[in-house]
PDB file of N, CA and C in Angstrom:
ATOM      1  N   MET A   1      -2.960  12.393   7.700  1.00  0.00           N
ATOM      2  CA  MET A   1      -3.738  11.526   8.053  1.00  0.00           C
ATOM      3  C   MET A   1      -2.705  10.386   8.498  1.00  0.00           C
ATOM      4  N   ASN A   2      -2.380   9.824   9.713  1.00  0.00           N
ATOM      5  CA  ASN A   2      -1.863   9.001  10.351  1.00  0.00           C
ATOM      6  C   ASN A   2      -2.690   8.110  11.123  1.00  0.00           C
ATOM      7  N   LYS A   3      -2.115   6.617  11.505  1.00  0.00           N
ATOM      8  CA  LYS A   3      -2.828   4.898  11.346  1.00  0.00           C
ATOM      9  C   LYS A   3      -4.094   5.682  12.765  1.00  0.00           C
ATOM     10  N   THR A   4      -3.517   6.322  13.436  1.00  0.00           N
ATOM     11  CA  THR A   4      -4.350   6.759  14.757  1.00  0.00           C
ATOM     12  C   THR A   4      -5.879   7.557  14.137  1.00  0.00           C
ATOM     13  N   GLU A   5      -5.508   8.384  13.492  1.00  0.00           N
ATOM     14  CA  GLU A   5      -6.143   9.495  13.243  1.00  0.00           C
ATOM     15  C   GLU A   5      -6.974   8.574  11.940  1.00  0.00           C
ATOM     16  N   LEU A   6      -6.551   7.715  11.230  1.00  0.00           N
ATOM     17  CA  LEU A   6      -7.191   6.496  10.936  1.00  0.00           C
ATOM     18  C   LEU A   6      -8.109   6.423  11.497  1.00  0.00           C
ATOM     19  N   VAL A   7      -7.942   5.169  12.337  1.00  0.00           N
ATOM     20  CA  VAL A   7      -8.965   4.441  13.379  1.00  0.00           C
ATOM     21  C   VAL A   7      -9.975   5.600  13.778  1.00  0.00           C
ATOM     22  N   ALA A   8      -9.521   6.137  14.090  1.00  0.00           N
ATOM     23  CA  ALA A   8     -10.384   7.533  15.130  1.00  0.00           C
ATOM     24  C   ALA A   8     -11.377   7.845  13.880  1.00  0.00           C
ATOM     25  N   ALA A   9     -11.007   7.803  12.238  1.00  0.00           N
ATOM     26  CA  ALA A   9     -11.926   8.019  11.443  1.00  0.00           C
ATOM     27  C   ALA A   9     -12.966   7.139  11.355  1.00  0.00           C
ATOM     28  N   VAL A  10     -12.114   5.656  10.981  1.00  0.00           N
ATOM     29  CA  VAL A  10     -13.615   4.496  10.751  1.00  0.00           C
ATOM     30  C   VAL A  10     -14.302   4.551  12.213  1.00  0.00           C
ATOM     31  N   ALA A  11     -13.815   4.110  13.232  1.00  0.00           N
ATOM     32  CA  ALA A  11     -14.653   4.493  14.407  1.00  0.00           C
ATOM     33  C   ALA A  11     -15.996   5.045  14.504  1.00  0.00           C
ATOM     34  N   GLU A  12     -15.561   6.481  14.320  1.00  0.00           N
ATOM     35  CA  GLU A  12     -16.479   7.292  14.211  1.00  0.00           C
ATOM     36  C   GLU A  12     -17.506   7.308  13.059  1.00  0.00           C
ATOM     37  N   LYS A  13     -17.348   7.073  12.194  1.00  0.00           N
ATOM     38  CA  LYS A  13     -17.960   6.524  10.119  1.00  0.00           C
ATOM     39  C   LYS A  13     -18.796   5.727  10.511  1.00  0.00           C
ATOM     40  N   ALA A  14     -18.364   4.539  11.297  1.00  0.00           N
ATOM     41  CA  ALA A  14     -18.834   2.834  11.485  1.00  0.00           C
ATOM     42  C   ALA A  14     -19.454   2.570  12.549  1.00  0.00           C
ATOM     43  N   GLY A  15     -19.216   3.807  13.320  1.00  0.00           N
ATOM     44  CA  GLY A  15     -20.406   3.792  14.664  1.00  0.00           C
ATOM     45  C   GLY A  15     -18.792   2.353  15.163  1.00  0.00           C
ATOM     46  N   LEU A  16     -18.190   2.239  15.829  1.00  0.00           N
ATOM     47  CA  LEU A  16     -17.565   1.032  16.386  1.00  0.00           C
ATOM     48  C   LEU A  16     -16.630   2.125  17.604  1.00  0.00           C
ATOM     49  N   THR A  17     -16.356   0.879  18.265  1.00  0.00           N
ATOM     50  CA  THR A  17     -15.639   1.375  19.017  1.00  0.00           C
ATOM     51  C   THR A  17     -13.717   1.612  18.769  1.00  0.00           C
ATOM     52  N   LYS A  18     -12.920   2.232  19.239  1.00  0.00           N
ATOM     53  CA  LYS A  18     -11.591   2.679  18.605  1.00  0.00           C
ATOM     54  C   LYS A  18     -11.428   1.170  18.685  1.00  0.00           C
ATOM     55  N   LYS A  19     -11.007   0.492  19.648  1.00  0.00           N
ATOM     56  CA  LYS A  19     -10.233  -0.673  19.344  1.00  0.00           C
ATOM     57  C   LYS A  19     -10.459  -1.722  18.851  1.00  0.00           C
ATOM     58  N   ASP A  20     -12.280  -1.619  18.172  1.00  0.00           N
ATOM     59  CA  ASP A  20     -12.729  -2.553  17.444  1.00  0.00           C
ATOM     60  C   ASP A  20     -12.054  -1.954  15.951  1.00  0.00           C
ATOM     61  N   ALA A  21     -12.049  -0.616  15.769  1.00  0.00           N
ATOM     62  CA  ALA A  21     -11.629  -0.538  14.357  1.00  0.00           C
ATOM     63  C   ALA A  21     -10.469  -0.383  13.836  1.00  0.00           C
ATOM     64  N   GLU A  22      -9.409  -0.233  15.470  1.00  0.00           N
ATOM     65  CA  GLU A  22      -8.392  -0.458  15.323  1.00  0.00           C
ATOM     66  C   GLU A  22      -8.003  -1.510  14.832  1.00  0.00           C
ATOM     67  N   GLU A  23      -8.736  -2.603  14.868  1.00  0.00           N
ATOM     68  CA  GLU A  23      -8.464  -4.387  15.024  1.00  0.00           C
ATOM     69  C   GLU A  23      -9.057  -4.516  13.317  1.00  0.00           C
ATOM     70  N   VAL A  24     -10.105  -4.128  12.866  1.00  0.00           N
ATOM     71  CA  VAL A  24     -10.209  -3.764  11.256  1.00  0.00           C
ATOM     72  C   VAL A  24      -9.477  -3.046  10.127  1.00  0.00           C
ATOM     73  N   VAL A  25      -8.833  -2.018  10.924  1.00  0.00           N
ATOM     74  CA  VAL A  25      -8.012  -1.404  10.372  1.00  0.00           C
ATOM     75  C   VAL A  25      -6.409  -2.328  10.121  1.00  0.00           C
ATOM     76  N   ASN A  26      -5.993  -3.070  11.163  1.00  0.00           N
ATOM     77  CA  ASN A  26      -4.372  -3.932  10.987  1.00  0.00           C
ATOM     78  C   ASN A  26      -5.379  -5.434  10.186  1.00  0.00           C
ATOM     79  N   ALA A  27      -6.366  -5.764   9.971  1.00  0.00           N
ATOM     80  CA  ALA A  27      -6.894  -6.464   9.575  1.00  0.00           C
ATOM     81  C   ALA A  27      -6.798  -6.387   8.073  1.00  0.00           C
ATOM     82  N   PHE A  28      -7.118  -5.852   7.977  1.00  0.00           N
ATOM     83  CA  PHE A  28      -7.266  -5.263   6.334  1.00  0.00           C
ATOM     84  C   PHE A  28      -5.841  -4.834   6.073  1.00  0.00           C
ATOM     85  N   THR A  29      -4.973  -4.142   6.602  1.00  0.00           N
ATOM     86  CA  THR A  29      -3.729  -4.363   6.358  1.00  0.00           C
ATOM     87  C   THR A  29      -2.565  -5.623   6.192  1.00  0.00           C
ATOM     88  N   ASP A  30      -3.049  -6.365   7.152  1.00  0.00           N
ATOM     89  CA  ASP A  30      -2.653  -7.881   7.353  1.00  0.00           C
ATOM     90  C   ASP A  30      -2.947  -8.642   6.147  1.00  0.00           C
ATOM     91  N   THR A  31      -4.128  -8.658   5.927  1.00  0.00           N
ATOM     92  CA  THR A  31      -4.609  -9.262   4.549  1.00  0.00           C
ATOM     93  C   THR A  31      -4.491  -8.624   3.303  1.00  0.00           C
ATOM     94  N   VAL A  32      -4.042  -7.448   3.094  1.00  0.00           N
ATOM     95  CA  VAL A  32      -3.419  -6.759   1.881  1.00  0.00           C
ATOM     96  C   VAL A  32      -2.242  -7.304   1.631  1.00  0.00           C
ATOM     97  N   ILE A  33      -0.732  -7.030   2.816  1.00  0.00           N
ATOM     98  CA  ILE A  33       0.359  -7.553   2.891  1.00  0.00           C
ATOM     99  C   ILE A  33       0.380  -8.961   2.780  1.00  0.00           C
ATOM    100  N   LYS A  34      -0.462  -9.975   2.777  1.00  0.00           N
ATOM    101  CA  LYS A  34      -0.238 -11.350   3.177  1.00  0.00           C
ATOM    102  C   LYS A  34      -1.231 -11.884   1.530  1.00  0.00           C
ATOM    103  N   ALA A  35      -2.114 -11.410   0.980  1.00  0.00           N
ATOM    104  CA  ALA A  35      -1.886 -11.704  -0.677  1.00  0.00           C
ATOM    105  C   ALA A  35      -0.802 -11.027  -1.669  1.00  0.00           C
ATOM    106  N   LEU A  36      -0.206  -9.559  -1.708  1.00  0.00           N
ATOM    107  CA  LEU A  36       0.530  -9.778  -1.649  1.00  0.00           C
ATOM    108  C   LEU A  36       1.495  -9.917  -1.775  1.00  0.00           C
ATOM    109  N   LYS A  37       2.054 -10.851  -1.026  1.00  0.00           N
ATOM    110  CA  LYS A  37       3.341 -11.413  -0.132  1.00  0.00           C
ATOM    111  C   LYS A  37       2.545 -12.775  -1.306  1.00  0.00           C
ATOM    112  N   LYS A  38       1.501 -13.144  -1.364  1.00  0.00           N
ATOM    113  CA  LYS A  38       1.164 -14.643  -2.369  1.00  0.00           C
ATOM    114  C   LYS A  38       1.442 -14.653  -3.728  1.00  0.00           C
ATOM    115  N   GLY A  39       1.436 -13.128  -4.153  1.00  0.00           N
ATOM    116  CA  GLY A  39       1.713 -12.715  -5.504  1.00  0.00           C
ATOM    117  C   GLY A  39       0.160 -12.401  -5.967  1.00  0.00           C
ATOM    118  N   ASP A  40      -0.723 -12.476  -5.316  1.00  0.00           N
ATOM    119  CA  ASP A  40      -2.248 -11.771  -5.690  1.00  0.00           C
ATOM    120  C   ASP A  40      -2.227 -10.914  -6.051  1.00  0.00           C
ATOM    121  N   LYS A  41      -3.144 -10.276  -6.750  1.00  0.00           N
ATOM    122  CA  LYS A  41      -3.496  -8.471  -7.073  1.00  0.00           C
ATOM    123  C   LYS A  41      -5.320  -8.548  -6.512  1.00  0.00           C
ATOM    124  N   ILE A  42      -4.750  -7.414  -5.582  1.00  0.00           N
ATOM    125  CA  ILE A  42      -6.103  -6.825  -5.103  1.00  0.00           C
ATOM    126  C   ILE A  42      -7.550  -5.718  -5.671  1.00  0.00           C
ATOM    127  N   GLN A  43      -8.298  -6.361  -6.128  1.00  0.00           N
ATOM    128  CA  GLN A  43      -9.279  -5.044  -6.524  1.00  0.00           C
ATOM    129  C   GLN A  43     -10.209  -4.532  -5.838  1.00  0.00           C
ATOM    130  N   LEU A  44     -10.309  -3.651  -5.540  1.00  0.00           N
ATOM    131  CA  LEU A  44     -11.202  -3.121  -4.815  1.00  0.00           C
ATOM    132  C   LEU A  44     -12.186  -2.145  -5.521  1.00  0.00           C
ATOM    133  N   VAL A  45     -12.798  -2.037  -6.512  1.00  0.00           N
ATOM    134  CA  VAL A  45     -13.800  -1.420  -7.687  1.00  0.00           C
ATOM    135  C   VAL A  45     -14.358   0.255  -7.181  1.00  0.00           C
ATOM    136  N   GLY A  46     -14.110   0.774  -7.673  1.00  0.00           N
ATOM    137  CA  GLY A  46     -14.628   2.241  -7.327  1.00  0.00           C
ATOM    138  C   GLY A  46     -13.330   2.966  -6.208  1.00  0.00           C
ATOM    139  N   PHE A  47     -12.497   2.056  -5.765  1.00  0.00           N
ATOM    140  CA  PHE A  47     -11.002   2.609  -5.044  1.00  0.00           C
ATOM    141  C   PHE A  47      -9.745   2.467  -6.007  1.00  0.00           C
ATOM    142  N   GLY A  48      -9.733   1.192  -6.298  1.00  0.00           N
ATOM    143  CA  GLY A  48      -8.092   1.050  -6.464  1.00  0.00           C
ATOM    144  C   GLY A  48      -7.916  -0.312  -6.722  1.00  0.00           C
ATOM    145  N   THR A  49      -6.506  -0.724  -7.127  1.00  0.00           N
ATOM    146  CA  THR A  49      -6.031  -1.589  -7.065  1.00  0.00           C
ATOM    147  C   THR A  49      -4.928  -2.145  -6.529  1.00  0.00           C
ATOM    148  N   PHE A  50      -4.725  -3.023  -5.720  1.00  0.00           N
ATOM    149  CA  PHE A  50      -2.926  -3.028  -5.083  1.00  0.00           C
ATOM    150  C   PHE A  50      -2.574  -4.520  -5.851  1.00  0.00           C
ATOM    151  N   GLU A  51      -1.277  -4.437  -5.816  1.00  0.00           N
ATOM    152  CA  GLU A  51      -0.179  -5.048  -6.892  1.00  0.00           C
ATOM    153  C   GLU A  51       0.804  -5.075  -6.734  1.00  0.00           C
ATOM    154  N   VAL A  52       1.867  -6.164  -6.298  1.00  0.00           N
ATOM    155  CA  VAL A  52       3.511  -6.200  -6.640  1.00  0.00           C
ATOM    156  C   VAL A  52       3.836  -5.768  -8.299  1.00  0.00           C
ATOM    157  N   THR A  53       5.204  -5.237  -8.392  1.00  0.00           N
ATOM    158  CA  THR A  53       5.873  -4.984  -9.580  1.00  0.00           C
ATOM    159  C   THR A  53       7.596  -5.635  -9.430  1.00  0.00           C
ATOM    160  N   LYS A  54       7.721  -5.917 -10.346  1.00  0.00           N
ATOM    161  CA  LYS A  54       9.314  -6.436  -9.990  1.00  0.00           C
ATOM    162  C   LYS A  54       9.785  -5.244 -10.721  1.00  0.00           C
ATOM    163  N   ARG A  55      11.123  -5.373  -9.875  1.00  0.00           N
ATOM    164  CA  ARG A  55      12.548  -4.632 -10.319  1.00  0.00           C
ATOM    165  C   ARG A  55      13.392  -5.744 -10.453  1.00  0.00           C
ATOM    166  N   ASN A  56      13.765  -5.260 -11.946  1.00  0.00           N
ATOM    167  CA  ASN A  56      14.856  -5.921 -11.879  1.00  0.00           C
ATOM    168  C   ASN A  56      16.406  -5.678 -11.595  1.00  0.00           C
ATOM    169  N   ALA A  57      17.681  -6.274 -11.688  1.00  0.00           N
ATOM    170  CA  ALA A  57      18.440  -5.627 -11.111  1.00  0.00           C
ATOM    171  C   ALA A  57      19.032  -5.461 -12.411  1.00  0.00           C
ATOM    172  N   ARG A  58      20.025  -3.758 -11.400  1.00  0.00           N
ATOM    173  CA  ARG A  58      20.411  -2.871 -12.985  1.00  0.00           C
ATOM    174  C   ARG A  58      21.420  -2.504 -11.869  1.00  0.00           C
ATOM    175  N   THR A  59      22.258  -1.459 -12.746  1.00  0.00           N
ATOM    176  CA  THR A  59      23.469  -0.889 -11.836  1.00  0.00           C
ATOM    177  C   THR A  59      23.419   1.023 -12.092  1.00  0.00           C
ATOM    178  N   GLY A  60      23.459   0.780 -10.309  1.00  0.00           N
ATOM    179  CA  GLY A  60      23.370   2.286  -9.959  1.00  0.00           C
ATOM    180  C   GLY A  60      24.715   2.793  -9.614  1.00  0.00           C
ATOM    181  N   ARG A  61      24.763   4.257  -9.259  1.00  0.00           N
ATOM    182  CA  ARG A  61      25.518   4.778  -8.469  1.00  0.00           C
ATOM    183  C   ARG A  61      25.525   5.496  -7.644  1.00  0.00           C
ATOM    184  N   ASN A  62      26.565   5.591  -7.144  1.00  0.00           N
ATOM    185  CA  ASN A  62      26.816   5.755  -5.786  1.00  0.00           C
ATOM    186  C   ASN A  62      26.933   7.486  -5.729  1.00  0.00           C
ATOM    187  N   PRO A  63      25.711   8.254  -5.468  1.00  0.00           N
ATOM    188  CA  PRO A  63      26.261  10.256  -5.339  1.00  0.00           C
ATOM    189  C   PRO A  63      26.934  10.482  -4.595  1.00  0.00           C
ATOM    190  N   LEU A  64      27.528   9.928  -3.352  1.00  0.00           N
ATOM    191  CA  LEU A  64      28.780  10.299  -2.678  1.00  0.00           C
ATOM    192  C   LEU A  64      30.193  10.157  -3.571  1.00  0.00           C
ATOM    193  N   THR A  65      30.572   8.488  -3.666  1.00  0.00           N
ATOM    194  CA  THR A  65      31.918   8.402  -4.137  1.00  0.00           C
ATOM    195  C   THR A  65      31.738   8.740  -5.850  1.00  0.00           C
ATOM    196  N   GLY A  66      30.586   8.314  -6.828  1.00  0.00           N
ATOM    197  CA  GLY A  66      30.546   8.268  -7.734  1.00  0.00           C
ATOM    198  C   GLY A  66      30.449   6.998  -8.709  1.00  0.00           C
ATOM    199  N   GLU A  67      31.070   5.787  -7.378  1.00  0.00           N
ATOM    200  CA  GLU A  67      31.076   4.055  -7.254  1.00  0.00           C
ATOM    201  C   GLU A  67      30.494   3.868  -8.019  1.00  0.00           C
ATOM    202  N   SER A  68      30.295   3.278  -8.707  1.00  0.00           N
ATOM    203  CA  SER A  68      29.288   2.278  -9.772  1.00  0.00           C
ATOM    204  C   SER A  68      28.746   0.897  -8.736  1.00  0.00           C
ATOM    205  N   MET A  69      27.408   0.383  -8.644  1.00  0.00           N
ATOM    206  CA  MET A  69      26.802  -0.344  -7.643  1.00  0.00           C
ATOM    207  C   MET A  69      25.915  -1.183  -8.206  1.00  0.00           C
ATOM    208  N   LYS A  70      26.141  -2.863  -7.678  1.00  0.00           N
ATOM    209  CA  LYS A  70      24.934  -3.069  -8.191  1.00  0.00           C
ATOM    210  C   LYS A  70      23.696  -3.388  -7.293  1.00  0.00           C
ATOM    211  N   ILE A  71      21.938  -3.210  -8.318  1.00  0.00           N
ATOM    212  CA  ILE A  71      20.982  -3.012  -7.419  1.00  0.00           C
ATOM    213  C   ILE A  71      20.571  -4.176  -7.459  1.00  0.00           C
ATOM    214  N   ALA A  72      20.312  -4.921  -6.175  1.00  0.00           N
ATOM    215  CA  ALA A  72      19.331  -6.176  -6.590  1.00  0.00           C
ATOM    216  C   ALA A  72      18.332  -6.340  -6.924  1.00  0.00           C
ATOM    217  N   ALA A  73      17.809  -7.854  -7.498  1.00  0.00           N
ATOM    218  CA  ALA A  73      16.107  -7.440  -7.987  1.00  0.00           C
ATOM    219  C   ALA A  73      15.298  -7.037  -6.791  1.00  0.00           C
ATOM    220  N   SER A  74      14.482  -6.667  -7.204  1.00  0.00           N
ATOM    221  CA  SER A  74      13.292  -6.682  -5.912  1.00  0.00           C
ATOM    222  C   SER A  74      11.642  -6.473  -6.201  1.00  0.00           C
ATOM    223  N   LYS A  75      11.215  -6.293  -5.456  1.00  0.00           N
ATOM    224  CA  LYS A  75       9.914  -6.621  -5.449  1.00  0.00           C
ATOM    225  C   LYS A  75       9.535  -5.300  -4.722  1.00  0.00           C
ATOM    226  N   ALA A  76       7.798  -4.585  -5.492  1.00  0.00           N
ATOM    227  CA  ALA A  76       7.518  -3.260  -4.705  1.00  0.00           C
ATOM    228  C   ALA A  76       6.123  -3.215  -5.100  1.00  0.00           C
ATOM    229  N   PRO A  77       5.238  -2.824  -3.887  1.00  0.00           N
ATOM    230  CA  PRO A  77       4.395  -2.885  -3.647  1.00  0.00           C
ATOM    231  C   PRO A  77       3.552  -1.710  -4.552  1.00  0.00           C
ATOM    232  N   LYS A  78       2.758  -1.930  -5.453  1.00  0.00           N
ATOM    233  CA  LYS A  78       2.143  -0.587  -6.343  1.00  0.00           C
ATOM    234  C   LYS A  78       0.385  -0.300  -6.335  1.00  0.00           C
ATOM    235  N   PHE A  79      -0.259   0.920  -6.141  1.00  0.00           N
ATOM    236  CA  PHE A  79      -1.138   1.223  -5.673  1.00  0.00           C
ATOM    237  C   PHE A  79      -1.523   1.707  -7.162  1.00  0.00           C
ATOM    238  N   LYS A  80      -2.849   1.525  -8.220  1.00  0.00           N
ATOM    239  CA  LYS A  80      -3.593   2.694  -8.871  1.00  0.00           C
ATOM    240  C   LYS A  80      -4.894   2.644  -8.611  1.00  0.00           C
ATOM    241  N   ALA A  81      -5.438   3.966  -8.861  1.00  0.00           N
ATOM    242  CA  ALA A  81      -6.549   4.334  -8.159  1.00  0.00           C
ATOM    243  C   ALA A  81      -7.056   4.027  -8.875  1.00  0.00           C
ATOM    244  N   GLY A  82      -8.633   3.622  -8.467  1.00  0.00           N
ATOM    245  CA  GLY A  82      -9.808   3.435  -9.673  1.00  0.00           C
ATOM    246  C   GLY A  82     -10.346   4.820  -9.750  1.00  0.00           C
ATOM    247  N   LYS A  83     -10.834   5.018 -11.223  1.00  0.00           N
ATOM    248  CA  LYS A  83     -11.872   6.000 -11.658  1.00  0.00           C
ATOM    249  C   LYS A  83     -12.676   6.646 -10.619  1.00  0.00           C
ATOM    250  N   ALA A  84     -14.070   5.867  -9.805  1.00  0.00           N
ATOM    251  CA  ALA A  84     -13.997   6.409  -8.998  1.00  0.00           C
ATOM    252  C   ALA A  84     -13.194   7.409  -7.780  1.00  0.00           C
ATOM    253  N   PHE A  85     -12.730   6.617  -7.652  1.00  0.00           N
ATOM    254  CA  PHE A  85     -11.295   7.739  -6.716  1.00  0.00           C
ATOM    255  C   PHE A  85     -11.005   8.761  -7.392  1.00  0.00           C
ATOM    256  N   LYS A  86     -10.753   8.630  -8.633  1.00  0.00           N
ATOM    257  CA  LYS A  86     -10.034  10.072  -9.171  1.00  0.00           C
ATOM    258  C   LYS A  86     -11.214  10.999  -9.467  1.00  0.00           C
ATOM    259  N   ASP A  87     -12.285  10.334  -9.651  1.00  0.00           N
ATOM    260  CA  ASP A  87     -13.315  11.651 -10.036  1.00  0.00           C
ATOM    261  C   ASP A  87     -13.464  12.106  -8.803  1.00  0.00           C
ATOM    262  N   ALA A  88     -13.607  11.108  -8.098  1.00  0.00           N
ATOM    263  CA  ALA A  88     -13.505  11.957  -6.156  1.00  0.00           C
ATOM    264  C   ALA A  88     -12.945  13.197  -6.206  1.00  0.00           C
ATOM    265  N   LEU A  89     -11.580  12.831  -6.163  1.00  0.00           N
ATOM    266  CA  LEU A  89     -10.414  14.110  -6.074  1.00  0.00           C
ATOM    267  C   LEU A  89     -10.637  15.269  -7.438  1.00  0.00           C
ATOM    268  N   ASN A  90     -11.354  15.089  -8.155  1.00  0.00           N
ATOM    269  CA  ASN A  90     -11.149  16.228  -8.872  1.00  0.00           C
ATOM    270  C   ASN A  90     -12.634  17.038  -9.261  1.00  0.00           C
TER     271      ASN A  90
END
């Protein structure tokens, strides 16, 4: 499912226009990104948790040349599915 299909599904489920549903989807993603940038953790009970993990600097290897290279430290988003979400899939 891509963003357009998600917007259409949200519009149908919530009884909104596609334009309103797109604004809701965009507001949700923007809010999640802003919160994670600030270092906050977002917990949606029954759905899951969004958080930021830190990756330490490390030495990697270029697969083409075999040359060692330094990989800088970085932050990465992480999502952990909640129990109700996992149970719904099984």
